[in-house]
């Protein structure tokens, strides 16, 4: 529960509210859409604090709302797509699995890059093995080998291990010419 509560970061929330306030005060037409996206994000995020294991479908809604907010914050620097197999939407996941990966892609890949970039979020079941594959790929700055792994990824690895033992994995792969692809594999028997 503590990990979930930290996902609705006060810093993120206050920055977004300050952005909405500035847009309102300046009379910007963007104020209403940014506020609507914040409401959608909170509607998707807050119920997960009290519910059991989220599903791929709930994570998809949360990720979509978060990415829409981030797109409004940097409209010329962030593009995104979601490619999630509808047949997987009822599969249960550890809390905030996809959102953690998306937040990392924004924070460490897209945001620091002047050019911004693209984020792709996907999920499918491998036809040969039956394993569920989830991924978040970005075309941002890429892997910085000088930086230690972050706490978000460490927490995610711990949640995967606690839920699936050694039957699940999380890997980060550099993407050419730049960017990162985070891949999660879940066992074939997840439902």
C-alpha atoms as a PDB file:
ATOM      1  CA  UNK A   1       0.000   0.000   0.000  1.00  0.00           C
ATOM      2  CA  UNK A   2       2.870   2.333   0.797  1.00  0.00           C
ATOM      3  CA  UNK A   3       4.392   1.821  -2.659  1.00  0.00           C
ATOM      4  CA  UNK A   4       1.020   2.522  -4.270  1.00  0.00           C
ATOM      5  CA  UNK A   5       0.436   5.672  -2.260  1.00  0.00           C
ATOM      6  CA  UNK A   6       3.813   7.009  -3.335  1.00  0.00           C
ATOM      7  CA  UNK A   7       2.754   6.669  -6.967  1.00  0.00           C
ATOM      8  CA  UNK A   8       0.388   9.625  -6.645  1.00  0.00           C
ATOM      9  CA  UNK A   9       3.391  11.800  -6.005  1.00  0.00           C
ATOM     10  CA  UNK A  10       2.631  15.099  -4.287  1.00  0.00           C
ATOM     11  CA  UNK A  11       5.359  16.780  -6.357  1.00  0.00           C
ATOM     12  CA  UNK A  12       3.732  15.631  -9.613  1.00  0.00           C
ATOM     13  CA  UNK A  13       0.266  16.570  -8.356  1.00  0.00           C
ATOM     14  CA  UNK A  14       1.252  20.034  -7.134  1.00  0.00           C
ATOM     15  CA  UNK A  15       3.204  20.792 -10.314  1.00  0.00           C
ATOM     16  CA  UNK A  16       0.206  19.814 -12.421  1.00  0.00           C
ATOM     17  CA  UNK A  17      -2.178  21.888 -10.290  1.00  0.00           C
ATOM     18  CA  UNK A  18       0.185  24.881 -10.518  1.00  0.00           C
ATOM     19  CA  UNK A  19       0.248  24.402 -14.289  1.00  0.00           C
ATOM     20  CA  UNK A  20      -3.568  24.385 -14.396  1.00  0.00           C
ATOM     21  CA  UNK A  21      -3.663  27.518 -12.222  1.00  0.00           C
ATOM     22  CA  UNK A  22      -1.233  29.343 -14.518  1.00  0.00           C
ATOM     23  CA  UNK A  23      -3.248  28.297 -17.574  1.00  0.00           C
ATOM     24  CA  UNK A  24      -6.471  29.536 -15.948  1.00  0.00           C
ATOM     25  CA  UNK A  25      -4.931  32.835 -14.902  1.00  0.00           C
ATOM     26  CA  UNK A  26      -3.622  33.446 -18.408  1.00  0.00           C
ATOM     27  CA  UNK A  27      -6.976  32.535 -19.952  1.00  0.00           C
ATOM     28  CA  UNK A  28      -5.440  29.668 -21.929  1.00  0.00           C
ATOM     29  CA  UNK A  29      -7.714  27.297 -23.814  1.00  0.00           C
ATOM     30  CA  UNK A  30      -5.459  24.444 -22.610  1.00  0.00           C
ATOM     31  CA  UNK A  31      -6.625  24.804 -18.963  1.00  0.00           C
ATOM     32  CA  UNK A  32      -9.775  22.701 -19.307  1.00  0.00           C
ATOM     33  CA  UNK A  33      -8.114  19.800 -21.203  1.00  0.00           C
ATOM     34  CA  UNK A  34      -5.200  19.675 -18.726  1.00  0.00           C
ATOM     35  CA  UNK A  35      -7.618  19.650 -15.793  1.00  0.00           C
ATOM     36  CA  UNK A  36      -9.718  16.930 -17.484  1.00  0.00           C
ATOM     37  CA  UNK A  37      -6.593  14.813 -17.960  1.00  0.00           C
ATOM     38  CA  UNK A  38      -5.597  15.272 -14.320  1.00  0.00           C
ATOM     39  CA  UNK A  39      -9.072  14.171 -13.233  1.00  0.00           C
ATOM     40  CA  UNK A  40      -8.854  11.106 -15.497  1.00  0.00           C
ATOM     41  CA  UNK A  41      -5.447  10.235 -14.047  1.00  0.00           C
ATOM     42  CA  UNK A  42      -6.667  10.547 -10.456  1.00  0.00           C
ATOM     43  CA  UNK A  43      -9.801   8.516 -11.232  1.00  0.00           C
ATOM     44  CA  UNK A  44      -7.590   5.744 -12.592  1.00  0.00           C
ATOM     45  CA  UNK A  45      -4.941   5.964  -9.838  1.00  0.00           C
ATOM     46  CA  UNK A  46      -6.882   6.407  -6.612  1.00  0.00           C
ATOM     47  CA  UNK A  47      -9.096   3.300  -6.786  1.00  0.00           C
ATOM     48  CA  UNK A  48      -5.962   1.153  -7.122  1.00  0.00           C
ATOM     49  CA  UNK A  49      -4.908   2.270  -3.646  1.00  0.00           C
ATOM     50  CA  UNK A  50      -7.858   0.366  -2.167  1.00  0.00           C
ATOM     51  CA  UNK A  51      -8.399  -2.521  -4.592  1.00  0.00           C
ATOM     52  CA  UNK A  52      -6.595  -5.811  -4.864  1.00  0.00           C
ATOM     53  CA  UNK A  53      -4.333  -6.714  -7.754  1.00  0.00           C
ATOM     54  CA  UNK A  54      -4.900  -4.422 -10.718  1.00  0.00           C
ATOM     55  CA  UNK A  55      -5.470  -5.762 -14.201  1.00  0.00           C
ATOM     56  CA  UNK A  56      -3.758  -4.983 -17.479  1.00  0.00           C
ATOM     57  CA  UNK A  57      -6.894  -3.043 -18.461  1.00  0.00           C
ATOM     58  CA  UNK A  58      -6.796  -0.853 -15.329  1.00  0.00           C
ATOM     59  CA  UNK A  59      -3.077  -0.256 -15.811  1.00  0.00           C
ATOM     60  CA  UNK A  60      -3.772   0.702 -19.430  1.00  0.00           C
ATOM     61  CA  UNK A  61      -6.315   3.328 -18.302  1.00  0.00           C
ATOM     62  CA  UNK A  62      -3.884   4.694 -15.713  1.00  0.00           C
ATOM     63  CA  UNK A  63      -0.997   4.831 -18.194  1.00  0.00           C
ATOM     64  CA  UNK A  64      -3.167   6.483 -20.851  1.00  0.00           C
ATOM     65  CA  UNK A  65      -4.293   9.206 -18.402  1.00  0.00           C
ATOM     66  CA  UNK A  66      -0.712   9.761 -17.180  1.00  0.00           C
ATOM     67  CA  UNK A  67       0.683   9.989 -20.715  1.00  0.00           C
ATOM     68  CA  UNK A  68      -2.061  12.405 -21.743  1.00  0.00           C
ATOM     69  CA  UNK A  69      -1.106  14.654 -18.829  1.00  0.00           C
ATOM     70  CA  UNK A  70       2.561  14.467 -19.745  1.00  0.00           C
ATOM     71  CA  UNK A  71       1.703  15.184 -23.384  1.00  0.00           C
ATOM     72  CA  UNK A  72      -0.153  18.323 -22.328  1.00  0.00           C
ATOM     73  CA  UNK A  73       2.858  19.375 -20.258  1.00  0.00           C
ATOM     74  CA  UNK A  74       5.205  18.928 -23.221  1.00  0.00           C
ATOM     75  CA  UNK A  75       2.979  18.839 -26.311  1.00  0.00           C
ATOM     76  CA  UNK A  76       5.802  19.298 -28.816  1.00  0.00           C
ATOM     77  CA  UNK A  77       8.158  16.834 -27.127  1.00  0.00           C
ATOM     78  CA  UNK A  78       6.100  13.732 -26.278  1.00  0.00           C
ATOM     79  CA  UNK A  79       4.247  11.328 -28.532  1.00  0.00           C
ATOM     80  CA  UNK A  80       2.931   7.957 -27.435  1.00  0.00           C
ATOM     81  CA  UNK A  81       1.087   4.842 -28.546  1.00  0.00           C
ATOM     82  CA  UNK A  82      -0.530   2.001 -26.623  1.00  0.00           C
ATOM     83  CA  UNK A  83      -0.555  -1.447 -28.258  1.00  0.00           C
ATOM     84  CA  UNK A  84      -2.201  -3.706 -25.693  1.00  0.00           C
ATOM     85  CA  UNK A  85      -3.889  -6.922 -26.777  1.00  0.00           C
ATOM     86  CA  UNK A  86      -7.520  -6.623 -25.600  1.00  0.00           C
ATOM     87  CA  UNK A  87      -7.517 -10.335 -24.687  1.00  0.00           C
ATOM     88  CA  UNK A  88      -5.044  -9.552 -21.877  1.00  0.00           C
ATOM     89  CA  UNK A  89      -7.036  -6.787 -20.168  1.00  0.00           C
ATOM     90  CA  UNK A  90      -8.349  -9.003 -17.345  1.00  0.00           C
ATOM     91  CA  UNK A  91      -4.947 -10.461 -16.402  1.00  0.00           C
ATOM     92  CA  UNK A  92      -3.905  -9.451 -12.891  1.00  0.00           C
ATOM     93  CA  UNK A  93      -0.575  -7.668 -12.397  1.00  0.00           C
ATOM     94  CA  UNK A  94       1.540  -6.469  -9.498  1.00  0.00           C
ATOM     95  CA  UNK A  95       0.445  -2.913  -8.639  1.00  0.00           C
ATOM     96  CA  UNK A  96       1.656  -0.098 -10.881  1.00  0.00           C
ATOM     97  CA  UNK A  97       3.788  -2.360 -13.086  1.00  0.00           C
ATOM     98  CA  UNK A  98       3.291  -0.504 -16.361  1.00  0.00           C
ATOM     99  CA  UNK A  99       2.996   2.928 -14.757  1.00  0.00           C
ATOM    100  CA  UNK A 100       6.398   2.553 -13.074  1.00  0.00           C
ATOM    101  CA  UNK A 101       8.001   1.767 -16.439  1.00  0.00           C
ATOM    102  CA  UNK A 102       6.192   4.644 -18.168  1.00  0.00           C
ATOM    103  CA  UNK A 103       7.152   7.121 -15.436  1.00  0.00           C
ATOM    104  CA  UNK A 104      10.789   6.033 -15.838  1.00  0.00           C
ATOM    105  CA  UNK A 105      10.594   6.492 -19.611  1.00  0.00           C
ATOM    106  CA  UNK A 106       9.249  10.023 -19.180  1.00  0.00           C
ATOM    107  CA  UNK A 107      11.522  11.032 -16.303  1.00  0.00           C
ATOM    108  CA  UNK A 108      14.797   9.527 -17.550  1.00  0.00           C
ATOM    109  CA  UNK A 109      14.286   9.305 -21.308  1.00  0.00           C
ATOM    110  CA  UNK A 110      11.956  11.933 -22.722  1.00  0.00           C
ATOM    111  CA  UNK A 111      12.049  14.782 -20.193  1.00  0.00           C
ATOM    112  CA  UNK A 112      15.851  15.290 -20.177  1.00  0.00           C
ATOM    113  CA  UNK A 113      16.053  15.206 -23.976  1.00  0.00           C
ATOM    114  CA  UNK A 114      15.621  18.571 -25.708  1.00  0.00           C
ATOM    115  CA  UNK A 115      14.114  16.794 -28.695  1.00  0.00           C
ATOM    116  CA  UNK A 116      11.736  14.756 -26.532  1.00  0.00           C
ATOM    117  CA  UNK A 117      10.627  11.517 -28.111  1.00  0.00           C
ATOM    118  CA  UNK A 118       8.109   8.746 -28.410  1.00  0.00           C
ATOM    119  CA  UNK A 119       6.869   6.175 -25.881  1.00  0.00           C
ATOM    120  CA  UNK A 120       5.289   2.876 -26.893  1.00  0.00           C
ATOM    121  CA  UNK A 121       3.471   0.755 -24.319  1.00  0.00           C
ATOM    122  CA  UNK A 122       2.457  -2.758 -25.274  1.00  0.00           C
ATOM    123  CA  UNK A 123       1.304  -6.157 -24.087  1.00  0.00           C
ATOM    124  CA  UNK A 124       0.852  -9.455 -25.881  1.00  0.00           C
ATOM    125  CA  UNK A 125       0.928 -13.190 -25.256  1.00  0.00           C
ATOM    126  CA  UNK A 126       3.773 -14.996 -27.018  1.00  0.00           C
ATOM    127  CA  UNK A 127       2.217 -17.585 -29.327  1.00  0.00           C
ATOM    128  CA  UNK A 128       5.003 -20.142 -28.863  1.00  0.00           C
ATOM    129  CA  UNK A 129       5.597 -19.987 -25.097  1.00  0.00           C
ATOM    130  CA  UNK A 130       2.273 -18.586 -23.888  1.00  0.00           C
ATOM    131  CA  UNK A 131       4.173 -16.127 -21.689  1.00  0.00           C
ATOM    132  CA  UNK A 132       2.777 -12.607 -21.312  1.00  0.00           C
ATOM    133  CA  UNK A 133       5.116  -9.887 -22.550  1.00  0.00           C
ATOM    134  CA  UNK A 134       4.719  -6.261 -21.524  1.00  0.00           C
ATOM    135  CA  UNK A 135       6.979  -3.465 -22.654  1.00  0.00           C
ATOM    136  CA  UNK A 136       7.588   0.250 -22.521  1.00  0.00           C
ATOM    137  CA  UNK A 137       9.957   1.603 -25.166  1.00  0.00           C
ATOM    138  CA  UNK A 138      11.120   5.175 -25.507  1.00  0.00           C
ATOM    139  CA  UNK A 139      13.221   7.050 -28.050  1.00  0.00           C
ATOM    140  CA  UNK A 140      14.652   9.374 -25.423  1.00  0.00           C
ATOM    141  CA  UNK A 141      18.102   9.841 -23.989  1.00  0.00           C
ATOM    142  CA  UNK A 142      18.973   6.167 -23.566  1.00  0.00           C
ATOM    143  CA  UNK A 143      20.625   4.236 -20.748  1.00  0.00           C
ATOM    144  CA  UNK A 144      23.076   6.221 -18.651  1.00  0.00           C
ATOM    145  CA  UNK A 145      25.584   3.621 -17.461  1.00  0.00           C
ATOM    146  CA  UNK A 146      27.010   6.096 -14.911  1.00  0.00           C
ATOM    147  CA  UNK A 147      23.738   6.253 -12.970  1.00  0.00           C
ATOM    148  CA  UNK A 148      22.848   3.572 -10.402  1.00  0.00           C
ATOM    149  CA  UNK A 149      19.540   1.729 -10.923  1.00  0.00           C
ATOM    150  CA  UNK A 150      16.590   3.664  -9.527  1.00  0.00           C
ATOM    151  CA  UNK A 151      14.357   2.666  -6.658  1.00  0.00           C
ATOM    152  CA  UNK A 152      11.305   2.370  -8.922  1.00  0.00           C
ATOM    153  CA  UNK A 153      12.868  -0.463 -10.934  1.00  0.00           C
ATOM    154  CA  UNK A 154      14.260  -2.122  -7.793  1.00  0.00           C
ATOM    155  CA  UNK A 155      10.786  -2.031  -6.205  1.00  0.00           C
ATOM    156  CA  UNK A 156       9.251  -3.404  -9.392  1.00  0.00           C
ATOM    157  CA  UNK A 157      11.744  -6.301  -9.470  1.00  0.00           C
ATOM    158  CA  UNK A 158      10.893  -7.060  -5.833  1.00  0.00           C
ATOM    159  CA  UNK A 159       7.155  -7.036  -6.575  1.00  0.00           C
ATOM    160  CA  UNK A 160       7.659  -9.350  -9.557  1.00  0.00           C
ATOM    161  CA  UNK A 161       9.748 -11.739  -7.442  1.00  0.00           C
ATOM    162  CA  UNK A 162       7.220 -11.673  -4.592  1.00  0.00           C
ATOM    163  CA  UNK A 163       4.355 -12.434  -6.979  1.00  0.00           C
ATOM    164  CA  UNK A 164       5.934 -14.887  -9.459  1.00  0.00           C
ATOM    165  CA  UNK A 165       9.288 -15.926  -7.977  1.00  0.00           C
ATOM    166  CA  UNK A 166      11.843 -16.617 -10.683  1.00  0.00           C
ATOM    167  CA  UNK A 167       9.127 -17.199 -13.301  1.00  0.00           C
ATOM    168  CA  UNK A 168       8.986 -13.465 -14.203  1.00  0.00           C
ATOM    169  CA  UNK A 169      11.696 -11.131 -15.441  1.00  0.00           C
ATOM    170  CA  UNK A 170      12.374  -7.458 -16.060  1.00  0.00           C
ATOM    171  CA  UNK A 171      15.076  -6.365 -18.479  1.00  0.00           C
ATOM    172  CA  UNK A 172      16.264  -3.063 -19.921  1.00  0.00           C
ATOM    173  CA  UNK A 173      17.657  -3.005 -23.443  1.00  0.00           C
ATOM    174  CA  UNK A 174      19.197  -0.063 -25.263  1.00  0.00           C
ATOM    175  CA  UNK A 175      17.426   0.929 -28.484  1.00  0.00           C
ATOM    176  CA  UNK A 176      19.344   2.257 -31.507  1.00  0.00           C
ATOM    177  CA  UNK A 177      19.992   5.039 -32.275  1.00  0.00           C
ATOM    178  CA  UNK A 178      18.945   6.005 -28.725  1.00  0.00           C
ATOM    179  CA  UNK A 179      16.317   5.058 -26.201  1.00  0.00           C
ATOM    180  CA  UNK A 180      15.412   2.200 -23.876  1.00  0.00           C
ATOM    181  CA  UNK A 181      13.034  -0.734 -24.016  1.00  0.00           C
ATOM    182  CA  UNK A 182      11.909  -2.131 -20.655  1.00  0.00           C
ATOM    183  CA  UNK A 183      10.509  -5.649 -21.036  1.00  0.00           C
ATOM    184  CA  UNK A 184       8.592  -7.705 -18.496  1.00  0.00           C
ATOM    185  CA  UNK A 185       7.842 -11.379 -19.042  1.00  0.00           C
ATOM    186  CA  UNK A 186       5.193 -13.099 -16.935  1.00  0.00           C
ATOM    187  CA  UNK A 187       4.514 -16.827 -16.720  1.00  0.00           C
ATOM    188  CA  UNK A 188       2.112 -18.465 -19.164  1.00  0.00           C
ATOM    189  CA  UNK A 189      -0.309 -19.388 -16.357  1.00  0.00           C
ATOM    190  CA  UNK A 190      -1.175 -15.815 -15.313  1.00  0.00           C
ATOM    191  CA  UNK A 191      -4.851 -15.006 -15.475  1.00  0.00           C
END
